Amino acid sequence: MLDPELLERITARRAQLDELEEQLANQLAEVRAERDELAVAERVLERMSGQLAEERASAGPMPGQVGGRAVMLIPHRESGVEEDSLP
């Protein structure tokens, strides 16, 4: 003969574990979805960084016109260049 109190405790514990399993499955799904979103954001960031680097490399300073000649209005910044190198 089965003890009704023990059977009731087993049933209650099974219900608790079923509820916990459902909560954990939901949390796992949320974590996986966020991880996937972060992977997409990382790929976009890498692509955008590459594009910005290319744009910066190809976009040199535009020369100006002084006395009919093309001149650099502001030279590239380099180490060791003093203010007397400005036109």
C-alpha atoms as a PDB file:
ATOM      1  CA  MET A   1       0.000   0.000   0.000  1.00  0.00           C
ATOM      2  CA  LEU A   2       1.310   3.436  -0.937  1.00  0.00           C
ATOM      3  CA  ASP A   3       1.574   6.131   1.681  1.00  0.00           C
ATOM      4  CA  PRO A   4      -0.816   8.920   0.539  1.00  0.00           C
ATOM      5  CA  GLU A   5       1.266  11.637   2.232  1.00  0.00           C
ATOM      6  CA  LEU A   6       4.455  10.474   0.511  1.00  0.00           C
ATOM      7  CA  LEU A   7       2.660  10.231  -2.837  1.00  0.00           C
ATOM      8  CA  GLU A   8       1.354  13.782  -2.359  1.00  0.00           C
ATOM      9  CA  ARG A   9       4.866  15.083  -1.591  1.00  0.00           C
ATOM     10  CA  ILE A  10       6.251  13.356  -4.679  1.00  0.00           C
ATOM     11  CA  THR A  11       3.494  14.861  -6.831  1.00  0.00           C
ATOM     12  CA  ALA A  12       4.089  18.340  -5.383  1.00  0.00           C
ATOM     13  CA  ARG A  13       7.841  18.075  -5.950  1.00  0.00           C
ATOM     14  CA  ARG A  14       7.290  16.891  -9.528  1.00  0.00           C
ATOM     15  CA  ALA A  15       5.079  19.955 -10.144  1.00  0.00           C
ATOM     16  CA  GLN A  16       7.797  22.229  -8.712  1.00  0.00           C
ATOM     17  CA  LEU A  17      10.420  20.640 -10.951  1.00  0.00           C
ATOM     18  CA  ASP A  18       8.179  20.917 -14.008  1.00  0.00           C
ATOM     19  CA  GLU A  19       7.691  24.629 -13.311  1.00  0.00           C
ATOM     20  CA  LEU A  20      11.422  25.123 -12.767  1.00  0.00           C
ATOM     21  CA  GLU A  21      12.180  23.286 -15.997  1.00  0.00           C
ATOM     22  CA  GLU A  22       9.843  25.595 -17.903  1.00  0.00           C
ATOM     23  CA  GLN A  23      11.423  28.709 -16.352  1.00  0.00           C
ATOM     24  CA  LEU A  24      14.932  27.490 -17.164  1.00  0.00           C
ATOM     25  CA  ALA A  25      13.955  26.632 -20.740  1.00  0.00           C
ATOM     26  CA  ASN A  26      12.565  30.167 -21.169  1.00  0.00           C
ATOM     27  CA  GLN A  27      15.716  31.708 -19.693  1.00  0.00           C
ATOM     28  CA  LEU A  28      17.897  29.577 -21.971  1.00  0.00           C
ATOM     29  CA  ALA A  29      15.908  30.684 -25.018  1.00  0.00           C
ATOM     30  CA  GLU A  30      16.308  34.339 -23.988  1.00  0.00           C
ATOM     31  CA  VAL A  31      20.065  33.908 -23.443  1.00  0.00           C
ATOM     32  CA  ARG A  32      20.489  32.246 -26.833  1.00  0.00           C
ATOM     33  CA  ALA A  33      18.481  34.987 -28.558  1.00  0.00           C
ATOM     34  CA  GLU A  34      20.556  37.730 -26.913  1.00  0.00           C
ATOM     35  CA  ARG A  35      23.790  35.927 -27.784  1.00  0.00           C
ATOM     36  CA  ASP A  36      22.667  35.728 -31.421  1.00  0.00           C
ATOM     37  CA  GLU A  37      21.836  39.446 -31.389  1.00  0.00           C
ATOM     38  CA  LEU A  38      25.281  40.240 -29.994  1.00  0.00           C
ATOM     39  CA  ALA A  39      26.931  38.163 -32.723  1.00  0.00           C
ATOM     40  CA  VAL A  40      25.031  40.154 -35.363  1.00  0.00           C
ATOM     41  CA  ALA A  41      25.966  43.453 -33.665  1.00  0.00           C
ATOM     42  CA  GLU A  42      29.607  42.375 -33.583  1.00  0.00           C
ATOM     43  CA  ARG A  43      29.607  41.583 -37.318  1.00  0.00           C
ATOM     44  CA  VAL A  44      27.971  44.932 -38.108  1.00  0.00           C
ATOM     45  CA  LEU A  45      30.518  46.762 -35.948  1.00  0.00           C
ATOM     46  CA  GLU A  46      33.416  45.002 -37.688  1.00  0.00           C
ATOM     47  CA  ARG A  47      31.991  45.828 -41.125  1.00  0.00           C
ATOM     48  CA  MET A  48      31.325  49.470 -40.197  1.00  0.00           C
ATOM     49  CA  SER A  49      34.806  49.853 -38.663  1.00  0.00           C
ATOM     50  CA  GLY A  50      36.355  48.529 -41.858  1.00  0.00           C
ATOM     51  CA  GLN A  51      34.303  50.890 -43.996  1.00  0.00           C
ATOM     52  CA  LEU A  52      35.175  53.874 -41.799  1.00  0.00           C
ATOM     53  CA  ALA A  53      38.870  52.992 -41.923  1.00  0.00           C
ATOM     54  CA  GLU A  54      38.717  52.820 -45.729  1.00  0.00           C
ATOM     55  CA  GLU A  55      36.892  56.150 -45.914  1.00  0.00           C
ATOM     56  CA  ARG A  56      39.409  57.815 -43.620  1.00  0.00           C
ATOM     57  CA  ALA A  57      42.330  56.412 -45.595  1.00  0.00           C
ATOM     58  CA  SER A  58      40.950  57.571 -48.927  1.00  0.00           C
ATOM     59  CA  ALA A  59      39.750  60.985 -47.735  1.00  0.00           C
ATOM     60  CA  GLY A  60      42.943  63.009 -47.596  1.00  0.00           C
ATOM     61  CA  PRO A  61      42.773  66.718 -46.960  1.00  0.00           C
ATOM     62  CA  MET A  62      41.600  68.801 -49.891  1.00  0.00           C
ATOM     63  CA  PRO A  63      44.136  71.316 -51.229  1.00  0.00           C
ATOM     64  CA  GLY A  64      43.129  74.944 -51.401  1.00  0.00           C
ATOM     65  CA  GLN A  65      43.957  77.628 -53.964  1.00  0.00           C
ATOM     66  CA  VAL A  66      46.379  80.417 -53.101  1.00  0.00           C
ATOM     67  CA  GLY A  67      47.579  82.676 -55.883  1.00  0.00           C
ATOM     68  CA  GLY A  68      46.347  80.215 -58.485  1.00  0.00           C
ATOM     69  CA  ARG A  69      48.365  77.355 -56.957  1.00  0.00           C
ATOM     70  CA  ALA A  70      47.065  74.307 -55.153  1.00  0.00           C
ATOM     71  CA  VAL A  71      48.357  74.337 -51.573  1.00  0.00           C
ATOM     72  CA  MET A  72      47.578  72.441 -48.414  1.00  0.00           C
ATOM     73  CA  LEU A  73      45.857  74.835 -46.073  1.00  0.00           C
ATOM     74  CA  ILE A  74      46.554  72.716 -43.034  1.00  0.00           C
ATOM     75  CA  PRO A  75      49.279  70.061 -43.350  1.00  0.00           C
ATOM     76  CA  HIS A  76      48.911  66.538 -42.023  1.00  0.00           C
ATOM     77  CA  ARG A  77      49.714  66.253 -38.357  1.00  0.00           C
ATOM     78  CA  GLU A  78      52.933  64.391 -37.778  1.00  0.00           C
ATOM     79  CA  SER A  79      55.170  64.003 -34.786  1.00  0.00           C
ATOM     80  CA  GLY A  80      57.930  66.566 -34.586  1.00  0.00           C
ATOM     81  CA  VAL A  81      56.124  69.129 -36.747  1.00  0.00           C
ATOM     82  CA  GLU A  82      56.094  72.582 -35.174  1.00  0.00           C
ATOM     83  CA  GLU A  83      53.683  75.444 -35.738  1.00  0.00           C
ATOM     84  CA  ASP A  84      56.162  77.231 -38.010  1.00  0.00           C
ATOM     85  CA  SER A  85      55.432  74.629 -40.698  1.00  0.00           C
ATOM     86  CA  LEU A  86      51.988  76.140 -41.194  1.00  0.00           C
ATOM     87  CA  PRO A  87      51.644  78.437 -44.206  1.00  0.00           C
END
